């Protein structure tokens, strides 16, 4: 007898976010689909401007509600009670009850996310007072426990300090405490360690991993750091020019990337350069690090067909005919490339052989 299928914590289907500007229509997110399983981490990867942060802000309904913003698709969220709700279709009062309670977000720069005129304790307490109905004294006591949970020393003292009195690492811990205050089932972490030094970055990532193990929450981890992805994600979705171009379990993606853009990203890592040198036996020769040629096209004038075609070493004339679909590249993965059957020999290898 087969076990019942577990519903995804978040199932994003054909999400698109367009902005009407004086210069034209900007397709920041176009037909994006991915899912996050309960207790798992899905990484959304891509270079700056690929649409990662706009995706997260769309899911949280934090974009300015104006006539210039067009949002379509579905974001099916399974809450604590087992109900499946479309985040994009919920009335705003219902979304407020979910935001910060069942779904929380860690922003990239805590200094611009924390309110400078309130103590960190008051900001954490506000969330639990709103969603849990605690009085001020109980809410502040809970805020202190959250600061202790994220390993901030002298939590009772820090509770009454302002964001500017804390270091960058401590502010990020406060952001995590604020996000975790109501024990969310889904955490969206948008580049949570970008502004931190390597040592503090490792501590923050280990803290998030421990909290996930203890609470069973799911995480959408938005980053451009492939090293972080390799160590902390279960599944990966790679974005380029507003679209997902490859999705796969993390081990499969790093072992055998199938989209030329993913292959280029991984080839830019010095460790991958070293592996290619060892494989070719040319360990003594000095060679330039691989770099993806060209630049990302303007969102106002995307190329016809595949957005990566102008930079791709596997491109053929058919790549300019139409935007490719996500095609199966294995039992658990897909790639947005019409030559996916040919990418076992990577575009990087072809470029270096040329």
C-alpha atoms as a PDB file:
ATOM      1  CA  UNK A   1       0.000   0.000   0.000  1.00  0.00           C
ATOM      2  CA  UNK A   2       1.511   3.333  -1.070  1.00  0.00           C
ATOM      3  CA  UNK A   3       1.836   6.120   1.466  1.00  0.00           C
ATOM      4  CA  UNK A   4      -0.291   9.244   0.935  1.00  0.00           C
ATOM      5  CA  UNK A   5       1.382  12.042  -1.000  1.00  0.00           C
ATOM      6  CA  UNK A   6       2.452  14.976   1.179  1.00  0.00           C
ATOM      7  CA  UNK A   7       1.249  18.351  -0.072  1.00  0.00           C
ATOM      8  CA  UNK A   8       3.925  20.889  -0.895  1.00  0.00           C
ATOM      9  CA  UNK A   9       4.279  23.687   1.629  1.00  0.00           C
ATOM     10  CA  UNK A  10       4.359  26.146  -1.279  1.00  0.00           C
ATOM     11  CA  UNK A  11       3.500  25.378  -4.882  1.00  0.00           C
ATOM     12  CA  UNK A  12       4.143  28.308  -7.241  1.00  0.00           C
ATOM     13  CA  UNK A  13       2.497  27.936 -10.645  1.00  0.00           C
ATOM     14  CA  UNK A  14       3.167  30.176 -13.658  1.00  0.00           C
ATOM     15  CA  UNK A  15       3.936  33.267 -11.578  1.00  0.00           C
ATOM     16  CA  UNK A  16       4.492  36.450 -13.579  1.00  0.00           C
ATOM     17  CA  UNK A  17       5.163  40.002 -12.398  1.00  0.00           C
ATOM     18  CA  UNK A  18       5.303  42.786 -14.981  1.00  0.00           C
ATOM     19  CA  UNK A  19       5.797  46.522 -14.478  1.00  0.00           C
ATOM     20  CA  UNK A  20       4.474  49.168 -16.849  1.00  0.00           C
ATOM     21  CA  UNK A  21       7.007  51.997 -17.038  1.00  0.00           C
ATOM     22  CA  UNK A  22       7.368  55.117 -19.152  1.00  0.00           C
ATOM     23  CA  UNK A  23      10.030  53.264 -21.152  1.00  0.00           C
ATOM     24  CA  UNK A  24       7.954  50.127 -21.713  1.00  0.00           C
ATOM     25  CA  UNK A  25       6.899  46.858 -20.107  1.00  0.00           C
ATOM     26  CA  UNK A  26       9.440  45.181 -17.800  1.00  0.00           C
ATOM     27  CA  UNK A  27       8.913  41.433 -17.384  1.00  0.00           C
ATOM     28  CA  UNK A  28      10.694  40.956 -14.059  1.00  0.00           C
ATOM     29  CA  UNK A  29       9.247  37.502 -13.407  1.00  0.00           C
ATOM     30  CA  UNK A  30       7.829  35.441 -16.260  1.00  0.00           C
ATOM     31  CA  UNK A  31       6.045  32.093 -15.962  1.00  0.00           C
ATOM     32  CA  UNK A  32       7.939  30.914 -12.863  1.00  0.00           C
ATOM     33  CA  UNK A  33       6.956  27.575 -11.290  1.00  0.00           C
ATOM     34  CA  UNK A  34       8.563  25.717  -8.382  1.00  0.00           C
ATOM     35  CA  UNK A  35       7.568  23.983  -5.151  1.00  0.00           C
ATOM     36  CA  UNK A  36       8.925  23.662  -1.618  1.00  0.00           C
ATOM     37  CA  UNK A  37       8.281  20.509   0.395  1.00  0.00           C
ATOM     38  CA  UNK A  38       7.607  20.568   4.166  1.00  0.00           C
ATOM     39  CA  UNK A  39      10.839  20.766   6.147  1.00  0.00           C
ATOM     40  CA  UNK A  40      12.974  21.245   3.025  1.00  0.00           C
ATOM     41  CA  UNK A  41      15.013  24.104   1.565  1.00  0.00           C
ATOM     42  CA  UNK A  42      14.636  25.255  -2.021  1.00  0.00           C
ATOM     43  CA  UNK A  43      17.273  27.689  -3.288  1.00  0.00           C
ATOM     44  CA  UNK A  44      16.404  30.296  -5.890  1.00  0.00           C
ATOM     45  CA  UNK A  45      19.694  31.116  -7.636  1.00  0.00           C
ATOM     46  CA  UNK A  46      20.717  33.698 -10.182  1.00  0.00           C
ATOM     47  CA  UNK A  47      22.786  36.820 -10.735  1.00  0.00           C
ATOM     48  CA  UNK A  48      21.575  40.299  -9.809  1.00  0.00           C
ATOM     49  CA  UNK A  49      18.548  41.379 -11.812  1.00  0.00           C
ATOM     50  CA  UNK A  50      17.331  37.864 -12.571  1.00  0.00           C
ATOM     51  CA  UNK A  51      14.033  38.351 -10.696  1.00  0.00           C
ATOM     52  CA  UNK A  52      14.722  36.510  -7.431  1.00  0.00           C
ATOM     53  CA  UNK A  53      13.764  39.283  -5.021  1.00  0.00           C
ATOM     54  CA  UNK A  54      10.748  40.349  -7.072  1.00  0.00           C
ATOM     55  CA  UNK A  55       9.557  36.743  -6.861  1.00  0.00           C
ATOM     56  CA  UNK A  56       9.758  36.801  -3.054  1.00  0.00           C
ATOM     57  CA  UNK A  57       8.084  40.206  -2.759  1.00  0.00           C
ATOM     58  CA  UNK A  58       5.296  39.041  -5.057  1.00  0.00           C
ATOM     59  CA  UNK A  59       4.705  35.940  -2.933  1.00  0.00           C
ATOM     60  CA  UNK A  60       4.574  38.067   0.239  1.00  0.00           C
ATOM     61  CA  UNK A  61       2.300  40.627  -1.447  1.00  0.00           C
ATOM     62  CA  UNK A  62       4.725  43.431  -0.547  1.00  0.00           C
ATOM     63  CA  UNK A  63       4.865  45.115  -3.949  1.00  0.00           C
ATOM     64  CA  UNK A  64       3.222  48.504  -4.255  1.00  0.00           C
ATOM     65  CA  UNK A  65      -0.373  48.059  -5.350  1.00  0.00           C
ATOM     66  CA  UNK A  66      -0.574  50.305  -8.393  1.00  0.00           C
ATOM     67  CA  UNK A  67      -2.012  50.073 -11.876  1.00  0.00           C
ATOM     68  CA  UNK A  68       1.529  49.734 -13.250  1.00  0.00           C
ATOM     69  CA  UNK A  69       2.062  46.328 -11.558  1.00  0.00           C
ATOM     70  CA  UNK A  70       0.650  43.204 -13.205  1.00  0.00           C
ATOM     71  CA  UNK A  71       0.712  39.916 -11.265  1.00  0.00           C
ATOM     72  CA  UNK A  72      -0.659  36.598 -12.500  1.00  0.00           C
ATOM     73  CA  UNK A  73      -0.385  32.905 -11.660  1.00  0.00           C
ATOM     74  CA  UNK A  74      -0.919  30.982  -8.427  1.00  0.00           C
ATOM     75  CA  UNK A  75       1.005  30.552  -5.175  1.00  0.00           C
ATOM     76  CA  UNK A  76      -0.652  27.662  -3.331  1.00  0.00           C
ATOM     77  CA  UNK A  77       0.335  27.635   0.341  1.00  0.00           C
ATOM     78  CA  UNK A  78      -0.580  24.818   2.751  1.00  0.00           C
ATOM     79  CA  UNK A  79      -1.019  26.275   6.228  1.00  0.00           C
ATOM     80  CA  UNK A  80      -0.721  24.683   9.686  1.00  0.00           C
ATOM     81  CA  UNK A  81      -4.304  23.476   9.558  1.00  0.00           C
ATOM     82  CA  UNK A  82      -3.715  21.680   6.262  1.00  0.00           C
ATOM     83  CA  UNK A  83      -5.727  24.181   4.204  1.00  0.00           C
ATOM     84  CA  UNK A  84      -4.391  25.154   0.781  1.00  0.00           C
ATOM     85  CA  UNK A  85      -4.689  28.868   0.043  1.00  0.00           C
ATOM     86  CA  UNK A  86      -3.748  30.894  -3.033  1.00  0.00           C
ATOM     87  CA  UNK A  87      -1.606  33.716  -1.624  1.00  0.00           C
ATOM     88  CA  UNK A  88      -2.173  35.856  -4.717  1.00  0.00           C
ATOM     89  CA  UNK A  89      -5.962  35.667  -4.460  1.00  0.00           C
ATOM     90  CA  UNK A  90      -6.443  36.155  -0.703  1.00  0.00           C
ATOM     91  CA  UNK A  91      -8.153  39.317   0.578  1.00  0.00           C
ATOM     92  CA  UNK A  92      -5.620  41.656   2.179  1.00  0.00           C
ATOM     93  CA  UNK A  93      -6.890  41.111   5.775  1.00  0.00           C
ATOM     94  CA  UNK A  94      -6.378  37.340   5.371  1.00  0.00           C
ATOM     95  CA  UNK A  95      -2.909  37.894   3.915  1.00  0.00           C
ATOM     96  CA  UNK A  96      -1.984  40.071   6.915  1.00  0.00           C
ATOM     97  CA  UNK A  97      -2.859  37.199   9.228  1.00  0.00           C
ATOM     98  CA  UNK A  98      -0.480  34.921   7.277  1.00  0.00           C
ATOM     99  CA  UNK A  99       2.357  37.397   6.726  1.00  0.00           C
ATOM    100  CA  UNK A 100       4.703  37.310   9.724  1.00  0.00           C
ATOM    101  CA  UNK A 101       2.743  34.464  11.296  1.00  0.00           C
ATOM    102  CA  UNK A 102       2.735  31.428   8.987  1.00  0.00           C
ATOM    103  CA  UNK A 103       5.099  32.930   6.400  1.00  0.00           C
ATOM    104  CA  UNK A 104       8.013  35.100   7.517  1.00  0.00           C
ATOM    105  CA  UNK A 105      10.778  36.831   5.600  1.00  0.00           C
ATOM    106  CA  UNK A 106      14.393  37.755   6.320  1.00  0.00           C
ATOM    107  CA  UNK A 107      15.439  40.718   4.213  1.00  0.00           C
ATOM    108  CA  UNK A 108      18.828  41.298   2.648  1.00  0.00           C
ATOM    109  CA  UNK A 109      19.842  44.365   4.668  1.00  0.00           C
ATOM    110  CA  UNK A 110      18.553  44.436   8.268  1.00  0.00           C
ATOM    111  CA  UNK A 111      19.526  48.078   8.830  1.00  0.00           C
ATOM    112  CA  UNK A 112      16.936  49.165   6.251  1.00  0.00           C
ATOM    113  CA  UNK A 113      14.351  46.611   7.435  1.00  0.00           C
ATOM    114  CA  UNK A 114      14.397  47.249  11.185  1.00  0.00           C
ATOM    115  CA  UNK A 115      12.708  50.418  12.451  1.00  0.00           C
ATOM    116  CA  UNK A 116      15.400  52.754  13.826  1.00  0.00           C
ATOM    117  CA  UNK A 117      13.087  54.461  16.362  1.00  0.00           C
ATOM    118  CA  UNK A 118      11.957  51.313  18.215  1.00  0.00           C
ATOM    119  CA  UNK A 119      14.040  48.936  20.303  1.00  0.00           C
ATOM    120  CA  UNK A 120      14.603  45.471  18.851  1.00  0.00           C
ATOM    121  CA  UNK A 121      12.547  43.974  21.666  1.00  0.00           C
ATOM    122  CA  UNK A 122       9.546  46.167  20.842  1.00  0.00           C
ATOM    123  CA  UNK A 123       9.753  45.185  17.177  1.00  0.00           C
ATOM    124  CA  UNK A 124       9.759  41.454  17.956  1.00  0.00           C
ATOM    125  CA  UNK A 125       7.039  41.892  20.594  1.00  0.00           C
ATOM    126  CA  UNK A 126       4.806  43.732  18.108  1.00  0.00           C
ATOM    127  CA  UNK A 127       4.598  40.631  15.917  1.00  0.00           C
ATOM    128  CA  UNK A 128       3.524  38.254  18.705  1.00  0.00           C
ATOM    129  CA  UNK A 129       1.084  40.816  20.126  1.00  0.00           C
ATOM    130  CA  UNK A 130      -0.563  41.086  16.721  1.00  0.00           C
ATOM    131  CA  UNK A 131      -0.681  37.393  15.835  1.00  0.00           C
ATOM    132  CA  UNK A 132      -0.794  35.697  19.238  1.00  0.00           C
ATOM    133  CA  UNK A 133      -2.737  38.252  21.284  1.00  0.00           C
ATOM    134  CA  UNK A 134      -0.149  38.517  24.082  1.00  0.00           C
ATOM    135  CA  UNK A 135      -0.018  41.552  26.354  1.00  0.00           C
ATOM    136  CA  UNK A 136       3.054  43.800  26.338  1.00  0.00           C
ATOM    137  CA  UNK A 137       4.814  42.113  29.259  1.00  0.00           C
ATOM    138  CA  UNK A 138       4.321  38.594  27.892  1.00  0.00           C
ATOM    139  CA  UNK A 139       5.288  39.718  24.398  1.00  0.00           C
ATOM    140  CA  UNK A 140       8.556  41.254  25.622  1.00  0.00           C
ATOM    141  CA  UNK A 141       9.338  38.087  27.590  1.00  0.00           C
ATOM    142  CA  UNK A 142       8.762  36.080  24.405  1.00  0.00           C
ATOM    143  CA  UNK A 143      10.991  38.506  22.480  1.00  0.00           C
ATOM    144  CA  UNK A 144      13.788  37.916  24.987  1.00  0.00           C
ATOM    145  CA  UNK A 145      13.430  34.144  24.552  1.00  0.00           C
ATOM    146  CA  UNK A 146      13.699  34.613  20.786  1.00  0.00           C
ATOM    147  CA  UNK A 147      16.904  36.636  21.169  1.00  0.00           C
ATOM    148  CA  UNK A 148      18.293  33.865  23.361  1.00  0.00           C
ATOM    149  CA  UNK A 149      17.214  31.310  20.744  1.00  0.00           C
ATOM    150  CA  UNK A 150      19.289  33.041  18.071  1.00  0.00           C
ATOM    151  CA  UNK A 151      22.233  33.144  20.490  1.00  0.00           C
ATOM    152  CA  UNK A 152      22.482  36.888  21.068  1.00  0.00           C
ATOM    153  CA  UNK A 153      24.576  37.395  24.235  1.00  0.00           C
ATOM    154  CA  UNK A 154      23.079  39.425  27.105  1.00  0.00           C
ATOM    155  CA  UNK A 155      19.626  39.118  25.528  1.00  0.00           C
ATOM    156  CA  UNK A 156      17.915  40.918  28.433  1.00  0.00           C
ATOM    157  CA  UNK A 157      20.092  43.963  27.736  1.00  0.00           C
ATOM    158  CA  UNK A 158      19.896  43.820  23.945  1.00  0.00           C
ATOM    159  CA  UNK A 159      16.098  43.699  24.205  1.00  0.00           C
ATOM    160  CA  UNK A 160      16.085  47.419  25.036  1.00  0.00           C
ATOM    161  CA  UNK A 161      18.691  48.516  22.485  1.00  0.00           C
ATOM    162  CA  UNK A 162      18.109  50.101  19.078  1.00  0.00           C
ATOM    163  CA  UNK A 163      19.259  48.624  15.754  1.00  0.00           C
ATOM    164  CA  UNK A 164      22.109  51.147  15.367  1.00  0.00           C
ATOM    165  CA  UNK A 165      23.609  49.926  18.655  1.00  0.00           C
ATOM    166  CA  UNK A 166      24.099  46.394  17.286  1.00  0.00           C
ATOM    167  CA  UNK A 167      26.693  44.975  14.897  1.00  0.00           C
ATOM    168  CA  UNK A 168      25.716  43.726  11.447  1.00  0.00           C
ATOM    169  CA  UNK A 169      25.761  40.099  12.581  1.00  0.00           C
ATOM    170  CA  UNK A 170      23.602  40.856  15.612  1.00  0.00           C
ATOM    171  CA  UNK A 171      21.109  42.814  13.505  1.00  0.00           C
ATOM    172  CA  UNK A 172      20.769  39.824  11.201  1.00  0.00           C
ATOM    173  CA  UNK A 173      20.169  37.601  14.228  1.00  0.00           C
ATOM    174  CA  UNK A 174      17.478  40.037  15.347  1.00  0.00           C
ATOM    175  CA  UNK A 175      15.878  39.734  11.901  1.00  0.00           C
ATOM    176  CA  UNK A 176      15.877  35.941  12.277  1.00  0.00           C
ATOM    177  CA  UNK A 177      14.398  36.238  15.791  1.00  0.00           C
ATOM    178  CA  UNK A 178      11.699  38.535  14.416  1.00  0.00           C
ATOM    179  CA  UNK A 179      10.960  36.121  11.578  1.00  0.00           C
ATOM    180  CA  UNK A 180      10.838  33.120  13.926  1.00  0.00           C
ATOM    181  CA  UNK A 181       8.772  34.818  16.639  1.00  0.00           C
ATOM    182  CA  UNK A 182       5.494  33.186  15.578  1.00  0.00           C
ATOM    183  CA  UNK A 183       7.029  29.836  14.573  1.00  0.00           C
ATOM    184  CA  UNK A 184       6.352  30.142  10.813  1.00  0.00           C
ATOM    185  CA  UNK A 185       5.887  27.114   8.593  1.00  0.00           C
ATOM    186  CA  UNK A 186       7.641  28.859   5.684  1.00  0.00           C
ATOM    187  CA  UNK A 187      10.652  31.183   5.889  1.00  0.00           C
ATOM    188  CA  UNK A 188      11.714  33.278   2.896  1.00  0.00           C
ATOM    189  CA  UNK A 189      15.365  34.301   3.258  1.00  0.00           C
ATOM    190  CA  UNK A 190      16.386  36.921   0.683  1.00  0.00           C
ATOM    191  CA  UNK A 191      20.198  37.036   0.569  1.00  0.00           C
ATOM    192  CA  UNK A 192      20.351  36.918   4.405  1.00  0.00           C
ATOM    193  CA  UNK A 193      24.159  36.779   4.629  1.00  0.00           C
ATOM    194  CA  UNK A 194      25.324  38.992   1.744  1.00  0.00           C
ATOM    195  CA  UNK A 195      26.529  41.928   3.868  1.00  0.00           C
ATOM    196  CA  UNK A 196      28.247  39.767   6.510  1.00  0.00           C
ATOM    197  CA  UNK A 197      31.833  38.585   6.747  1.00  0.00           C
ATOM    198  CA  UNK A 198      32.565  34.902   6.157  1.00  0.00           C
ATOM    199  CA  UNK A 199      32.739  33.896   9.825  1.00  0.00           C
ATOM    200  CA  UNK A 200      29.425  35.554  10.759  1.00  0.00           C
ATOM    201  CA  UNK A 201      27.882  34.215   7.543  1.00  0.00           C
ATOM    202  CA  UNK A 202      28.715  30.653   8.577  1.00  0.00           C
ATOM    203  CA  UNK A 203      27.225  31.227  12.026  1.00  0.00           C
ATOM    204  CA  UNK A 204      23.981  32.635  10.604  1.00  0.00           C
ATOM    205  CA  UNK A 205      23.614  29.754   8.139  1.00  0.00           C
ATOM    206  CA  UNK A 206      24.234  27.183  10.865  1.00  0.00           C
ATOM    207  CA  UNK A 207      21.669  28.949  13.057  1.00  0.00           C
ATOM    208  CA  UNK A 208      19.061  28.780  10.282  1.00  0.00           C
ATOM    209  CA  UNK A 209      19.802  25.101   9.724  1.00  0.00           C
ATOM    210  CA  UNK A 210      19.395  24.361  13.444  1.00  0.00           C
ATOM    211  CA  UNK A 211      16.110  26.275  13.669  1.00  0.00           C
ATOM    212  CA  UNK A 212      14.796  24.426  10.624  1.00  0.00           C
ATOM    213  CA  UNK A 213      15.677  21.078  12.219  1.00  0.00           C
ATOM    214  CA  UNK A 214      14.000  22.051  15.476  1.00  0.00           C
ATOM    215  CA  UNK A 215      10.811  23.537  14.000  1.00  0.00           C
ATOM    216  CA  UNK A 216      10.376  21.627  10.716  1.00  0.00           C
ATOM    217  CA  UNK A 217       9.810  24.817   8.714  1.00  0.00           C
ATOM    218  CA  UNK A 218      10.368  25.045   4.978  1.00  0.00           C
ATOM    219  CA  UNK A 219      12.808  27.615   3.570  1.00  0.00           C
ATOM    220  CA  UNK A 220      12.943  29.505   0.286  1.00  0.00           C
ATOM    221  CA  UNK A 221      16.594  30.590   0.187  1.00  0.00           C
ATOM    222  CA  UNK A 222      17.341  33.342  -2.329  1.00  0.00           C
ATOM    223  CA  UNK A 223      21.033  33.748  -3.108  1.00  0.00           C
ATOM    224  CA  UNK A 224      23.734  34.077  -5.741  1.00  0.00           C
ATOM    225  CA  UNK A 225      26.258  32.203  -3.565  1.00  0.00           C
ATOM    226  CA  UNK A 226      26.617  28.720  -5.018  1.00  0.00           C
ATOM    227  CA  UNK A 227      28.737  27.557  -2.092  1.00  0.00           C
ATOM    228  CA  UNK A 228      25.843  28.270   0.279  1.00  0.00           C
ATOM    229  CA  UNK A 229      23.473  26.438  -2.050  1.00  0.00           C
ATOM    230  CA  UNK A 230      25.678  23.349  -2.141  1.00  0.00           C
ATOM    231  CA  UNK A 231      25.726  23.026   1.646  1.00  0.00           C
ATOM    232  CA  UNK A 232      22.244  24.184   2.677  1.00  0.00           C
ATOM    233  CA  UNK A 233      19.696  23.455  -0.078  1.00  0.00           C
ATOM    234  CA  UNK A 234      17.748  20.326  -0.960  1.00  0.00           C
ATOM    235  CA  UNK A 235      16.497  21.565  -4.340  1.00  0.00           C
ATOM    236  CA  UNK A 236      17.629  24.354  -6.652  1.00  0.00           C
ATOM    237  CA  UNK A 237      15.831  26.552  -9.169  1.00  0.00           C
ATOM    238  CA  UNK A 238      18.138  28.637 -11.378  1.00  0.00           C
ATOM    239  CA  UNK A 239      16.745  31.939 -12.712  1.00  0.00           C
ATOM    240  CA  UNK A 240      17.897  33.940 -15.693  1.00  0.00           C
ATOM    241  CA  UNK A 241      16.186  37.056 -17.077  1.00  0.00           C
ATOM    242  CA  UNK A 242      13.036  36.462 -15.043  1.00  0.00           C
ATOM    243  CA  UNK A 243      12.561  32.784 -15.898  1.00  0.00           C
ATOM    244  CA  UNK A 244      13.596  29.532 -14.288  1.00  0.00           C
ATOM    245  CA  UNK A 245      16.027  27.878 -16.688  1.00  0.00           C
ATOM    246  CA  UNK A 246      16.842  24.762 -14.668  1.00  0.00           C
ATOM    247  CA  UNK A 247      15.491  22.988 -11.596  1.00  0.00           C
ATOM    248  CA  UNK A 248      16.910  19.892  -9.929  1.00  0.00           C
ATOM    249  CA  UNK A 249      17.866  18.327  -6.602  1.00  0.00           C
ATOM    250  CA  UNK A 250      21.034  20.032  -5.404  1.00  0.00           C
ATOM    251  CA  UNK A 251      23.357  17.022  -5.799  1.00  0.00           C
ATOM    252  CA  UNK A 252      22.211  16.350  -9.359  1.00  0.00           C
ATOM    253  CA  UNK A 253      22.520  19.991 -10.378  1.00  0.00           C
ATOM    254  CA  UNK A 254      26.096  20.328  -9.114  1.00  0.00           C
ATOM    255  CA  UNK A 255      27.139  16.943 -10.493  1.00  0.00           C
ATOM    256  CA  UNK A 256      25.630  17.324 -13.982  1.00  0.00           C
ATOM    257  CA  UNK A 257      24.217  20.777 -14.785  1.00  0.00           C
ATOM    258  CA  UNK A 258      22.129  20.599 -17.948  1.00  0.00           C
ATOM    259  CA  UNK A 259      21.380  24.204 -18.910  1.00  0.00           C
ATOM    260  CA  UNK A 260      24.274  26.167 -20.489  1.00  0.00           C
ATOM    261  CA  UNK A 261      23.716  29.054 -18.062  1.00  0.00           C
ATOM    262  CA  UNK A 262      23.961  26.760 -15.016  1.00  0.00           C
ATOM    263  CA  UNK A 263      27.066  25.167 -16.526  1.00  0.00           C
ATOM    264  CA  UNK A 264      28.595  28.628 -16.955  1.00  0.00           C
ATOM    265  CA  UNK A 265      27.800  29.669 -13.385  1.00  0.00           C
ATOM    266  CA  UNK A 266      29.439  26.570 -11.951  1.00  0.00           C
ATOM    267  CA  UNK A 267      32.422  26.826 -14.294  1.00  0.00           C
ATOM    268  CA  UNK A 268      33.162  30.317 -12.944  1.00  0.00           C
ATOM    269  CA  UNK A 269      34.000  28.801  -9.552  1.00  0.00           C
ATOM    270  CA  UNK A 270      37.772  28.327  -8.998  1.00  0.00           C
ATOM    271  CA  UNK A 271      37.145  24.838  -7.592  1.00  0.00           C
ATOM    272  CA  UNK A 272      35.477  23.806 -10.848  1.00  0.00           C
ATOM    273  CA  UNK A 273      38.397  25.242 -12.825  1.00  0.00           C
ATOM    274  CA  UNK A 274      40.735  23.091 -10.734  1.00  0.00           C
ATOM    275  CA  UNK A 275      38.638  19.983 -11.377  1.00  0.00           C
ATOM    276  CA  UNK A 276      38.810  20.559 -15.138  1.00  0.00           C
ATOM    277  CA  UNK A 277      42.589  20.992 -14.957  1.00  0.00           C
ATOM    278  CA  UNK A 278      42.990  17.740 -13.028  1.00  0.00           C
ATOM    279  CA  UNK A 279      40.723  15.921 -15.469  1.00  0.00           C
ATOM    280  CA  UNK A 280      42.731  17.216 -18.460  1.00  0.00           C
ATOM    281  CA  UNK A 281      46.128  16.680 -16.830  1.00  0.00           C
ATOM    282  CA  UNK A 282      47.067  20.346 -17.424  1.00  0.00           C
ATOM    283  CA  UNK A 283      47.705  21.242 -13.792  1.00  0.00           C
ATOM    284  CA  UNK A 284      50.892  23.183 -14.441  1.00  0.00           C
ATOM    285  CA  UNK A 285      49.590  25.582 -17.054  1.00  0.00           C
ATOM    286  CA  UNK A 286      48.280  29.023 -16.112  1.00  0.00           C
ATOM    287  CA  UNK A 287      44.778  29.505 -17.437  1.00  0.00           C
ATOM    288  CA  UNK A 288      42.229  32.266 -17.122  1.00  0.00           C
ATOM    289  CA  UNK A 289      39.155  31.568 -15.026  1.00  0.00           C
ATOM    290  CA  UNK A 290      36.149  30.842 -17.173  1.00  0.00           C
ATOM    291  CA  UNK A 291      33.644  33.702 -17.534  1.00  0.00           C
ATOM    292  CA  UNK A 292      30.279  33.753 -19.287  1.00  0.00           C
ATOM    293  CA  UNK A 293      30.734  36.041 -22.262  1.00  0.00           C
ATOM    294  CA  UNK A 294      28.534  39.062 -22.880  1.00  0.00           C
ATOM    295  CA  UNK A 295      26.025  40.709 -20.580  1.00  0.00           C
ATOM    296  CA  UNK A 296      22.453  40.143 -19.492  1.00  0.00           C
ATOM    297  CA  UNK A 297      20.105  41.743 -21.997  1.00  0.00           C
ATOM    298  CA  UNK A 298      17.926  44.715 -21.042  1.00  0.00           C
ATOM    299  CA  UNK A 299      14.514  43.713 -19.616  1.00  0.00           C
ATOM    300  CA  UNK A 300      12.987  46.360 -21.873  1.00  0.00           C
ATOM    301  CA  UNK A 301      14.328  44.715 -25.048  1.00  0.00           C
ATOM    302  CA  UNK A 302      14.843  40.977 -24.451  1.00  0.00           C
ATOM    303  CA  UNK A 303      16.185  38.927 -27.356  1.00  0.00           C
ATOM    304  CA  UNK A 304      13.727  36.888 -29.386  1.00  0.00           C
ATOM    305  CA  UNK A 305      13.480  33.282 -28.286  1.00  0.00           C
ATOM    306  CA  UNK A 306      15.835  32.079 -25.565  1.00  0.00           C
ATOM    307  CA  UNK A 307      17.060  34.932 -23.336  1.00  0.00           C
ATOM    308  CA  UNK A 308      20.463  33.267 -22.908  1.00  0.00           C
ATOM    309  CA  UNK A 309      20.998  32.683 -26.651  1.00  0.00           C
ATOM    310  CA  UNK A 310      23.300  35.733 -27.236  1.00  0.00           C
ATOM    311  CA  UNK A 311      25.744  34.422 -24.595  1.00  0.00           C
ATOM    312  CA  UNK A 312      25.393  30.688 -25.204  1.00  0.00           C
ATOM    313  CA  UNK A 313      28.102  28.562 -26.852  1.00  0.00           C
ATOM    314  CA  UNK A 314      25.528  25.905 -27.799  1.00  0.00           C
ATOM    315  CA  UNK A 315      23.145  28.330 -29.532  1.00  0.00           C
ATOM    316  CA  UNK A 316      21.727  27.456 -32.931  1.00  0.00           C
ATOM    317  CA  UNK A 317      19.387  29.524 -35.164  1.00  0.00           C
ATOM    318  CA  UNK A 318      16.326  27.702 -33.766  1.00  0.00           C
ATOM    319  CA  UNK A 319      17.082  29.169 -30.320  1.00  0.00           C
ATOM    320  CA  UNK A 320      15.882  32.555 -31.629  1.00  0.00           C
ATOM    321  CA  UNK A 321      12.538  31.275 -32.870  1.00  0.00           C
ATOM    322  CA  UNK A 322      10.590  30.970 -29.604  1.00  0.00           C
ATOM    323  CA  UNK A 323      11.009  30.999 -25.829  1.00  0.00           C
ATOM    324  CA  UNK A 324      11.827  27.366 -24.954  1.00  0.00           C
ATOM    325  CA  UNK A 325       9.723  25.357 -22.544  1.00  0.00           C
ATOM    326  CA  UNK A 326      11.083  23.638 -19.446  1.00  0.00           C
ATOM    327  CA  UNK A 327      11.941  20.212 -20.828  1.00  0.00           C
ATOM    328  CA  UNK A 328      12.610  17.036 -18.805  1.00  0.00           C
ATOM    329  CA  UNK A 329      16.325  16.447 -18.216  1.00  0.00           C
ATOM    330  CA  UNK A 330      15.864  13.406 -15.994  1.00  0.00           C
ATOM    331  CA  UNK A 331      13.288  11.889 -13.640  1.00  0.00           C
ATOM    332  CA  UNK A 332      13.467  14.769 -11.130  1.00  0.00           C
ATOM    333  CA  UNK A 333      14.797  17.699 -13.122  1.00  0.00           C
ATOM    334  CA  UNK A 334      14.122  20.004 -16.055  1.00  0.00           C
ATOM    335  CA  UNK A 335      15.924  22.595 -18.173  1.00  0.00           C
ATOM    336  CA  UNK A 336      14.700  25.405 -20.427  1.00  0.00           C
ATOM    337  CA  UNK A 337      16.819  24.502 -23.443  1.00  0.00           C
ATOM    338  CA  UNK A 338      15.901  22.972 -26.793  1.00  0.00           C
ATOM    339  CA  UNK A 339      19.328  21.280 -26.858  1.00  0.00           C
ATOM    340  CA  UNK A 340      18.974  19.669 -23.435  1.00  0.00           C
ATOM    341  CA  UNK A 341      19.666  16.280 -25.006  1.00  0.00           C
ATOM    342  CA  UNK A 342      23.065  17.605 -26.162  1.00  0.00           C
ATOM    343  CA  UNK A 343      24.218  19.251 -22.919  1.00  0.00           C
ATOM    344  CA  UNK A 344      25.903  16.169 -21.452  1.00  0.00           C
ATOM    345  CA  UNK A 345      29.002  17.661 -23.122  1.00  0.00           C
ATOM    346  CA  UNK A 346      28.883  21.072 -21.491  1.00  0.00           C
ATOM    347  CA  UNK A 347      28.944  24.405 -23.264  1.00  0.00           C
ATOM    348  CA  UNK A 348      32.012  25.264 -21.166  1.00  0.00           C
ATOM    349  CA  UNK A 349      33.960  22.287 -22.522  1.00  0.00           C
ATOM    350  CA  UNK A 350      32.971  23.200 -26.073  1.00  0.00           C
ATOM    351  CA  UNK A 351      34.074  26.815 -25.565  1.00  0.00           C
ATOM    352  CA  UNK A 352      37.436  25.821 -24.101  1.00  0.00           C
ATOM    353  CA  UNK A 353      38.049  23.331 -26.888  1.00  0.00           C
ATOM    354  CA  UNK A 354      37.377  25.958 -29.542  1.00  0.00           C
END
